[in-house]
Amino acid sequence: MNKRKLLDLFIELIQSDLNKLTQSARAAHEAAIHTESKAEDQYDTRGLEASYLAGAQSKRIIELDESINVYTHLNIQSFTSDSPIASTALIELKSNEKYFFYLLMPVGGGLKVEFENKIVHLITPQSPLGAALLGKKVGAQIELKIQNEFRDYDIVRVD
């Protein structure tokens, strides 16, 4: 798989989310400062709630911008079967005769895209799966507890 093209798909997805969030944050900010948002009594919190929403959305916009910046300028590493898993590794796992694909990145996990007829999930070292994979090599096995159930994964390939 071409990891640069895969990463570009994730950038497009993040950029789309960023555009939607920016519009939403702008609307929340306008609602927070609008004259109708002024409290009519001590229990009227419309303006306050709108300002909290605008603040949270602004924080998320900064996070998405950071992800795009990191992904755009990141040096994509090449891996072999002897390489320990690290950031920018594309990992193929097998569990119960099913195959799963993950791209390990320093920031911005939780997304997925379809690439070359495969679903690829974006994970970070902060996630349980990312933490379990760090430093492992092809042929290793990891065990994760997911929803009170232990699952074994074989590391099949690392690119």
N, C-alpha and C. Protein backbone atom coordinates (compact mmCIF):
# COMPACT_ATOMS: atom_id res chain seq x y z
N MET A 1 0.85 -1.19 0.00
CA MET A 1 0.00 0.00 0.00
C MET A 1 0.89 1.25 0.00
N ASN A 2 0.46 2.24 -0.71
CA ASN A 2 1.17 3.51 -0.73
C ASN A 2 0.71 4.33 0.49
N LYS A 3 1.58 4.42 1.48
CA LYS A 3 1.19 5.09 2.73
C LYS A 3 0.96 6.59 2.53
N ARG A 4 1.67 7.21 1.59
CA ARG A 4 1.46 8.65 1.35
C ARG A 4 0.04 8.88 0.84
N LYS A 5 -0.42 8.05 -0.10
CA LYS A 5 -1.78 8.18 -0.62
C LYS A 5 -2.80 7.89 0.48
N LEU A 6 -2.52 6.89 1.30
CA LEU A 6 -3.40 6.57 2.42
C LEU A 6 -3.49 7.74 3.38
N LEU A 7 -2.35 8.32 3.70
CA LEU A 7 -2.32 9.46 4.61
C LEU A 7 -3.06 10.66 4.02
N ASP A 8 -2.95 10.84 2.70
CA ASP A 8 -3.68 11.93 2.04
C ASP A 8 -5.19 11.74 2.18
N LEU A 9 -5.67 10.49 2.17
CA LEU A 9 -7.10 10.24 2.39
C LEU A 9 -7.51 10.65 3.80
N PHE A 10 -6.68 10.34 4.77
CA PHE A 10 -6.97 10.76 6.14
C PHE A 10 -6.95 12.29 6.26
N ILE A 11 -6.02 12.94 5.57
CA ILE A 11 -5.97 14.41 5.59
C ILE A 11 -7.25 14.98 5.00
N GLU A 12 -7.72 14.42 3.88
CA GLU A 12 -8.98 14.88 3.27
C GLU A 12 -10.15 14.73 4.24
N LEU A 13 -10.21 13.61 4.93
CA LEU A 13 -11.28 13.36 5.89
C LEU A 13 -11.22 14.37 7.04
N ILE A 14 -10.03 14.60 7.56
CA ILE A 14 -9.87 15.57 8.65
C ILE A 14 -10.20 16.97 8.17
N GLN A 15 -9.78 17.32 6.95
CA GLN A 15 -10.07 18.65 6.40
C GLN A 15 -11.57 18.85 6.25
N SER A 16 -12.29 17.83 5.83
CA SER A 16 -13.74 17.91 5.71
C SER A 16 -14.38 18.14 7.09
N ASP A 17 -13.93 17.38 8.09
CA ASP A 17 -14.43 17.58 9.46
C ASP A 17 -14.10 18.98 9.96
N LEU A 18 -12.90 19.45 9.64
CA LEU A 18 -12.47 20.78 10.06
C LEU A 18 -13.35 21.86 9.45
N ASN A 19 -13.67 21.74 8.18
CA ASN A 19 -14.53 22.73 7.51
C ASN A 19 -15.92 22.78 8.16
N LYS A 20 -16.49 21.62 8.43
CA LYS A 20 -17.82 21.57 9.06
C LYS A 20 -17.77 22.15 10.47
N LEU A 21 -16.75 21.80 11.21
CA LEU A 21 -16.61 22.28 12.58
C LEU A 21 -16.38 23.78 12.63
N THR A 22 -15.61 24.31 11.68
CA THR A 22 -15.36 25.74 11.63
C THR A 22 -16.67 26.50 11.42
N GLN A 23 -17.51 26.02 10.51
CA GLN A 23 -18.81 26.65 10.29
C GLN A 23 -19.68 26.58 11.54
N SER A 24 -19.68 25.44 12.18
CA SER A 24 -20.47 25.25 13.39
C SER A 24 -19.96 26.15 14.53
N ALA A 25 -18.65 26.26 14.66
CA ALA A 25 -18.07 27.10 15.71
C ALA A 25 -18.40 28.56 15.47
N ARG A 26 -18.37 28.97 14.22
CA ARG A 26 -18.72 30.35 13.87
C ARG A 26 -20.17 30.64 14.27
N ALA A 27 -21.06 29.69 13.99
CA ALA A 27 -22.47 29.86 14.35
C ALA A 27 -22.65 29.90 15.86
N ALA A 28 -21.92 29.04 16.58
CA ALA A 28 -22.01 29.03 18.05
C ALA A 28 -21.47 30.33 18.64
N HIS A 29 -20.40 30.84 18.06
CA HIS A 29 -19.84 32.11 18.54
C HIS A 29 -20.84 33.25 18.33
N GLU A 30 -21.45 33.27 17.14
CA GLU A 30 -22.44 34.31 16.85
C GLU A 30 -23.63 34.20 17.79
N ALA A 31 -24.04 32.98 18.08
CA ALA A 31 -25.16 32.78 19.02
C ALA A 31 -24.78 33.26 20.42
N ALA A 32 -23.53 33.05 20.80
CA ALA A 32 -23.09 33.44 22.14
C ALA A 32 -23.07 34.95 22.33
N ILE A 33 -22.78 35.68 21.25
CA ILE A 33 -22.69 37.14 21.40
C ILE A 33 -23.94 37.87 20.90
N HIS A 34 -24.90 37.13 20.39
CA HIS A 34 -26.13 37.74 19.87
C HIS A 34 -26.93 38.34 21.03
N THR A 35 -27.62 39.43 20.74
CA THR A 35 -28.40 40.11 21.78
C THR A 35 -29.48 39.23 22.38
N GLU A 36 -30.02 38.30 21.60
CA GLU A 36 -31.05 37.41 22.14
C GLU A 36 -30.49 36.39 23.11
N SER A 37 -29.16 36.25 23.14
CA SER A 37 -28.53 35.31 24.06
C SER A 37 -28.29 35.92 25.44
N LYS A 38 -28.55 37.21 25.55
CA LYS A 38 -28.37 37.86 26.85
C LYS A 38 -29.37 37.26 27.85
N ALA A 39 -28.86 36.93 29.01
CA ALA A 39 -29.70 36.30 30.03
C ALA A 39 -30.85 37.21 30.43
N GLU A 40 -32.06 36.65 30.43
CA GLU A 40 -33.24 37.40 30.83
C GLU A 40 -33.47 37.31 32.33
N ASP A 41 -32.95 36.25 32.94
CA ASP A 41 -33.01 36.09 34.39
C ASP A 41 -31.85 35.19 34.81
N GLN A 42 -31.75 34.90 36.09
CA GLN A 42 -30.60 34.14 36.59
C GLN A 42 -30.57 32.69 36.11
N TYR A 43 -31.68 32.19 35.62
CA TYR A 43 -31.74 30.80 35.17
C TYR A 43 -31.56 30.66 33.66
N ASP A 44 -31.49 31.75 32.96
CA ASP A 44 -31.34 31.72 31.51
C ASP A 44 -29.85 31.59 31.17
N THR A 45 -29.48 30.44 30.66
CA THR A 45 -28.05 30.17 30.40
C THR A 45 -27.75 29.96 28.91
N ARG A 46 -28.64 30.41 28.04
CA ARG A 46 -28.42 30.20 26.60
C ARG A 46 -27.09 30.76 26.13
N GLY A 47 -26.80 31.98 26.50
CA GLY A 47 -25.55 32.62 26.07
C GLY A 47 -24.33 31.90 26.63
N LEU A 48 -24.41 31.52 27.89
CA LEU A 48 -23.29 30.81 28.53
C LEU A 48 -23.05 29.46 27.86
N GLU A 49 -24.14 28.74 27.59
CA GLU A 49 -24.01 27.43 26.93
C GLU A 49 -23.42 27.58 25.53
N ALA A 50 -23.87 28.59 24.80
CA ALA A 50 -23.34 28.83 23.45
C ALA A 50 -21.85 29.18 23.51
N SER A 51 -21.44 29.93 24.52
CA SER A 51 -20.02 30.29 24.63
C SER A 51 -19.18 29.06 24.98
N TYR A 52 -19.69 28.17 25.84
CA TYR A 52 -18.98 26.93 26.15
C TYR A 52 -18.82 26.07 24.89
N LEU A 53 -19.90 25.98 24.12
CA LEU A 53 -19.86 25.20 22.88
C LEU A 53 -18.83 25.79 21.91
N ALA A 54 -18.85 27.10 21.75
CA ALA A 54 -17.90 27.75 20.85
C ALA A 54 -16.46 27.51 21.31
N GLY A 55 -16.23 27.56 22.61
CA GLY A 55 -14.89 27.32 23.15
C GLY A 55 -14.42 25.90 22.90
N ALA A 56 -15.29 24.93 23.12
CA ALA A 56 -14.93 23.53 22.90
C ALA A 56 -14.67 23.26 21.41
N GLN A 57 -15.50 23.86 20.57
CA GLN A 57 -15.30 23.67 19.13
C GLN A 57 -14.00 24.32 18.67
N SER A 58 -13.66 25.46 19.23
CA SER A 58 -12.39 26.12 18.88
C SER A 58 -11.20 25.25 19.28
N LYS A 59 -11.29 24.61 20.43
CA LYS A 59 -10.22 23.71 20.87
C LYS A 59 -10.09 22.54 19.90
N ARG A 60 -11.20 21.97 19.48
CA ARG A 60 -11.17 20.84 18.54
C ARG A 60 -10.61 21.27 17.19
N ILE A 61 -10.92 22.48 16.76
CA ILE A 61 -10.38 23.01 15.50
C ILE A 61 -8.86 23.05 15.57
N ILE A 62 -8.32 23.49 16.69
CA ILE A 62 -6.87 23.54 16.87
C ILE A 62 -6.28 22.13 16.78
N GLU A 63 -6.93 21.15 17.40
CA GLU A 63 -6.45 19.76 17.35
C GLU A 63 -6.45 19.23 15.92
N LEU A 64 -7.52 19.51 15.17
CA LEU A 64 -7.59 19.04 13.79
C LEU A 64 -6.53 19.71 12.92
N ASP A 65 -6.34 21.01 13.12
CA ASP A 65 -5.28 21.74 12.41
C ASP A 65 -3.92 21.12 12.69
N GLU A 66 -3.68 20.80 13.95
CA GLU A 66 -2.41 20.18 14.35
C GLU A 66 -2.22 18.84 13.65
N SER A 67 -3.28 18.04 13.60
CA SER A 67 -3.19 16.74 12.93
C SER A 67 -2.83 16.91 11.46
N ILE A 68 -3.50 17.82 10.78
CA ILE A 68 -3.21 18.06 9.36
C ILE A 68 -1.76 18.50 9.19
N ASN A 69 -1.31 19.40 10.04
CA ASN A 69 0.07 19.89 9.96
C ASN A 69 1.07 18.75 10.17
N VAL A 70 0.83 17.93 11.18
CA VAL A 70 1.73 16.80 11.46
C VAL A 70 1.73 15.82 10.28
N TYR A 71 0.56 15.47 9.78
CA TYR A 71 0.47 14.49 8.70
C TYR A 71 1.13 15.00 7.41
N THR A 72 1.01 16.29 7.17
CA THR A 72 1.57 16.88 5.97
C THR A 72 3.09 16.89 6.00
N HIS A 73 3.67 17.10 7.15
CA HIS A 73 5.12 17.26 7.26
C HIS A 73 5.85 16.05 7.84
N LEU A 74 5.13 15.00 8.14
CA LEU A 74 5.72 13.84 8.79
C LEU A 74 6.57 13.03 7.82
N ASN A 75 7.72 12.59 8.28
CA ASN A 75 8.58 11.70 7.51
C ASN A 75 8.03 10.28 7.64
N ILE A 76 7.55 9.73 6.54
CA ILE A 76 6.96 8.40 6.55
C ILE A 76 8.08 7.36 6.47
N GLN A 77 8.15 6.51 7.48
CA GLN A 77 9.20 5.50 7.55
C GLN A 77 8.82 4.25 6.76
N SER A 78 9.85 3.55 6.32
CA SER A 78 9.67 2.23 5.72
C SER A 78 9.97 1.19 6.78
N PHE A 79 9.23 0.11 6.78
CA PHE A 79 9.40 -0.95 7.77
C PHE A 79 9.62 -2.28 7.06
N THR A 80 10.35 -3.16 7.73
CA THR A 80 10.53 -4.53 7.26
C THR A 80 9.96 -5.46 8.33
N SER A 81 9.99 -6.75 8.06
CA SER A 81 9.46 -7.69 9.06
C SER A 81 10.30 -7.70 10.33
N ASP A 82 11.54 -7.20 10.25
CA ASP A 82 12.41 -7.14 11.43
C ASP A 82 12.33 -5.81 12.16
N SER A 83 11.62 -4.84 11.59
CA SER A 83 11.55 -3.51 12.20
C SER A 83 10.55 -3.50 13.35
N PRO A 84 10.91 -2.86 14.46
CA PRO A 84 9.92 -2.69 15.53
C PRO A 84 8.86 -1.68 15.09
N ILE A 85 7.63 -1.92 15.47
CA ILE A 85 6.53 -1.04 15.10
C ILE A 85 6.72 0.32 15.78
N ALA A 86 6.56 1.36 14.97
CA ALA A 86 6.68 2.74 15.44
C ALA A 86 5.72 3.61 14.62
N SER A 87 5.75 4.90 14.88
CA SER A 87 4.88 5.84 14.18
C SER A 87 5.07 5.72 12.67
N THR A 88 4.00 5.81 11.94
CA THR A 88 3.84 5.70 10.48
C THR A 88 3.82 4.25 9.99
N ALA A 89 3.82 3.28 10.90
CA ALA A 89 3.73 1.88 10.48
C ALA A 89 2.31 1.54 10.05
N LEU A 90 2.21 0.84 8.95
CA LEU A 90 0.94 0.28 8.50
C LEU A 90 0.97 -1.19 8.91
N ILE A 91 0.04 -1.58 9.76
CA ILE A 91 0.09 -2.88 10.42
C ILE A 91 -1.10 -3.73 10.01
N GLU A 92 -0.81 -4.98 9.64
CA GLU A 92 -1.87 -5.94 9.34
C GLU A 92 -1.91 -6.95 10.49
N LEU A 93 -3.08 -7.06 11.11
CA LEU A 93 -3.28 -7.99 12.22
C LEU A 93 -4.28 -9.07 11.81
N LYS A 94 -4.16 -10.22 12.47
CA LYS A 94 -5.10 -11.32 12.23
C LYS A 94 -5.65 -11.78 13.57
N SER A 95 -6.96 -11.93 13.63
CA SER A 95 -7.62 -12.44 14.82
C SER A 95 -8.85 -13.23 14.39
N ASN A 96 -8.95 -14.45 14.86
CA ASN A 96 -10.09 -15.32 14.50
C ASN A 96 -10.32 -15.39 13.00
N GLU A 97 -9.23 -15.58 12.26
CA GLU A 97 -9.27 -15.72 10.80
C GLU A 97 -9.74 -14.45 10.08
N LYS A 98 -9.77 -13.33 10.75
CA LYS A 98 -10.11 -12.05 10.13
C LYS A 98 -8.87 -11.16 10.14
N TYR A 99 -8.76 -10.32 9.11
CA TYR A 99 -7.61 -9.43 8.99
C TYR A 99 -8.05 -7.99 9.23
N PHE A 100 -7.17 -7.24 9.90
CA PHE A 100 -7.44 -5.86 10.26
C PHE A 100 -6.22 -5.02 9.90
N PHE A 101 -6.46 -3.78 9.48
CA PHE A 101 -5.38 -2.90 9.05
C PHE A 101 -5.41 -1.61 9.86
N TYR A 102 -4.23 -1.21 10.35
CA TYR A 102 -4.10 -0.03 11.20
C TYR A 102 -2.90 0.80 10.76
N LEU A 103 -3.08 2.10 10.76
CA LEU A 103 -1.98 3.03 10.53
C LEU A 103 -1.70 3.72 11.85
N LEU A 104 -0.49 3.56 12.35
CA LEU A 104 -0.10 4.13 13.64
C LEU A 104 0.49 5.52 13.41
N MET A 105 -0.15 6.53 13.98
CA MET A 105 0.28 7.92 13.81
C MET A 105 0.43 8.58 15.18
N PRO A 106 1.23 9.65 15.27
CA PRO A 106 1.46 10.27 16.57
C PRO A 106 0.25 10.99 17.15
N VAL A 107 -0.65 11.46 16.29
CA VAL A 107 -1.84 12.19 16.75
C VAL A 107 -3.03 11.81 15.88
N GLY A 108 -4.24 12.09 16.39
CA GLY A 108 -5.45 12.05 15.57
C GLY A 108 -6.09 10.71 15.34
N GLY A 109 -6.05 9.81 16.27
CA GLY A 109 -6.66 8.50 16.07
C GLY A 109 -8.17 8.52 16.02
N GLY A 110 -8.74 7.36 15.73
CA GLY A 110 -10.19 7.21 15.77
C GLY A 110 -10.87 7.31 14.42
N LEU A 111 -10.12 7.51 13.36
CA LEU A 111 -10.72 7.62 12.03
C LEU A 111 -10.51 6.33 11.26
N LYS A 112 -11.28 6.17 10.19
CA LYS A 112 -11.07 5.03 9.30
C LYS A 112 -11.43 5.44 7.89
N VAL A 113 -10.73 4.83 6.93
CA VAL A 113 -11.00 5.07 5.51
C VAL A 113 -10.94 3.74 4.78
N GLU A 114 -11.56 3.70 3.61
CA GLU A 114 -11.41 2.55 2.73
C GLU A 114 -10.30 2.87 1.74
N PHE A 115 -9.33 1.97 1.66
CA PHE A 115 -8.18 2.17 0.78
C PHE A 115 -7.79 0.83 0.18
N GLU A 116 -7.76 0.77 -1.14
CA GLU A 116 -7.43 -0.46 -1.86
C GLU A 116 -8.28 -1.64 -1.37
N ASN A 117 -9.58 -1.38 -1.25
CA ASN A 117 -10.57 -2.38 -0.85
C ASN A 117 -10.37 -2.93 0.56
N LYS A 118 -9.71 -2.16 1.40
CA LYS A 118 -9.51 -2.54 2.79
C LYS A 118 -9.90 -1.36 3.68
N ILE A 119 -10.45 -1.66 4.84
CA ILE A 119 -10.73 -0.62 5.83
C ILE A 119 -9.48 -0.45 6.68
N VAL A 120 -8.96 0.78 6.71
CA VAL A 120 -7.76 1.07 7.49
C VAL A 120 -8.15 2.02 8.61
N HIS A 121 -7.82 1.63 9.83
CA HIS A 121 -8.12 2.44 11.02
C HIS A 121 -6.87 3.22 11.41
N LEU A 122 -7.08 4.45 11.84
CA LEU A 122 -6.00 5.30 12.31
C LEU A 122 -5.93 5.18 13.83
N ILE A 123 -4.77 4.81 14.35
CA ILE A 123 -4.60 4.68 15.79
C ILE A 123 -3.37 5.47 16.23
N THR A 124 -3.30 5.75 17.52
CA THR A 124 -2.16 6.45 18.09
C THR A 124 -1.53 5.59 19.18
N PRO A 125 -0.31 5.93 19.59
CA PRO A 125 0.32 5.18 20.68
C PRO A 125 -0.44 5.32 22.01
N GLN A 126 -1.30 6.32 22.13
CA GLN A 126 -2.07 6.51 23.35
C GLN A 126 -3.25 5.55 23.46
N SER A 127 -3.65 4.95 22.35
CA SER A 127 -4.76 3.99 22.38
C SER A 127 -4.25 2.66 22.93
N PRO A 128 -5.14 1.85 23.50
CA PRO A 128 -4.69 0.54 24.01
C PRO A 128 -4.03 -0.32 22.93
N LEU A 129 -4.61 -0.33 21.73
CA LEU A 129 -4.03 -1.13 20.65
C LEU A 129 -2.68 -0.56 20.23
N GLY A 130 -2.61 0.75 20.05
CA GLY A 130 -1.35 1.38 19.66
C GLY A 130 -0.25 1.13 20.67
N ALA A 131 -0.58 1.24 21.95
CA ALA A 131 0.40 1.00 23.01
C ALA A 131 0.88 -0.45 23.00
N ALA A 132 -0.04 -1.38 22.74
CA ALA A 132 0.32 -2.80 22.72
C ALA A 132 1.21 -3.14 21.52
N LEU A 133 1.04 -2.42 20.42
CA LEU A 133 1.80 -2.71 19.20
C LEU A 133 3.19 -2.09 19.19
N LEU A 134 3.36 -0.97 19.87
CA LEU A 134 4.65 -0.26 19.83
C LEU A 134 5.81 -1.19 20.17
N GLY A 135 6.80 -1.19 19.29
CA GLY A 135 8.01 -1.97 19.54
C GLY A 135 7.92 -3.43 19.15
N LYS A 136 6.73 -3.92 18.84
CA LYS A 136 6.56 -5.33 18.45
C LYS A 136 7.00 -5.51 16.99
N LYS A 137 7.21 -6.76 16.59
CA LYS A 137 7.63 -7.08 15.24
C LYS A 137 6.68 -8.12 14.62
N VAL A 138 6.81 -8.30 13.31
CA VAL A 138 6.02 -9.31 12.61
C VAL A 138 6.25 -10.66 13.28
N GLY A 139 5.15 -11.40 13.47
CA GLY A 139 5.22 -12.71 14.10
C GLY A 139 4.85 -12.67 15.58
N ALA A 140 4.89 -11.50 16.17
CA ALA A 140 4.53 -11.37 17.59
C ALA A 140 3.02 -11.47 17.73
N GLN A 141 2.60 -11.77 18.94
CA GLN A 141 1.18 -11.84 19.25
C GLN A 141 0.91 -10.88 20.41
N ILE A 142 -0.22 -10.19 20.33
CA ILE A 142 -0.63 -9.31 21.42
C ILE A 142 -2.00 -9.75 21.91
N GLU A 143 -2.30 -9.40 23.15
CA GLU A 143 -3.60 -9.72 23.74
C GLU A 143 -4.18 -8.42 24.27
N LEU A 144 -5.43 -8.17 23.90
CA LEU A 144 -6.13 -6.97 24.36
C LEU A 144 -7.44 -7.34 25.01
N LYS A 145 -7.79 -6.60 26.03
CA LYS A 145 -9.10 -6.77 26.66
C LYS A 145 -10.04 -5.74 26.03
N ILE A 146 -11.05 -6.26 25.36
CA ILE A 146 -12.03 -5.41 24.68
C ILE A 146 -13.41 -5.81 25.17
N GLN A 147 -14.11 -4.88 25.78
CA GLN A 147 -15.45 -5.13 26.32
C GLN A 147 -15.48 -6.38 27.19
N ASN A 148 -14.60 -6.41 28.18
CA ASN A 148 -14.49 -7.50 29.15
C ASN A 148 -14.17 -8.86 28.53
N GLU A 149 -13.59 -8.84 27.35
CA GLU A 149 -13.23 -10.08 26.67
C GLU A 149 -11.81 -9.94 26.13
N PHE A 150 -11.00 -10.96 26.31
CA PHE A 150 -9.63 -10.93 25.81
C PHE A 150 -9.59 -11.42 24.37
N ARG A 151 -8.86 -10.69 23.53
CA ARG A 151 -8.69 -11.08 22.13
C ARG A 151 -7.21 -11.14 21.81
N ASP A 152 -6.84 -12.16 21.05
CA ASP A 152 -5.46 -12.31 20.60
C ASP A 152 -5.35 -11.83 19.16
N TYR A 153 -4.27 -11.13 18.88
CA TYR A 153 -3.98 -10.65 17.53
C TYR A 153 -2.57 -11.09 17.14
N ASP A 154 -2.44 -11.61 15.94
CA ASP A 154 -1.13 -11.92 15.38
C ASP A 154 -0.71 -10.77 14.47
N ILE A 155 0.53 -10.34 14.59
CA ILE A 155 1.05 -9.30 13.70
C ILE A 155 1.54 -10.00 12.44
N VAL A 156 0.80 -9.78 11.35
CA VAL A 156 1.05 -10.48 10.10
C VAL A 156 2.05 -9.74 9.23
N ARG A 157 1.89 -8.41 9.15
CA ARG A 157 2.75 -7.62 8.26
C ARG A 157 2.86 -6.21 8.79
N VAL A 158 4.02 -5.61 8.56
CA VAL A 158 4.24 -4.20 8.89
C VAL A 158 4.90 -3.54 7.69
N ASP A 159 4.30 -2.49 7.20
CA ASP A 159 4.88 -1.71 6.08
C ASP A 159 5.24 -0.33 6.57
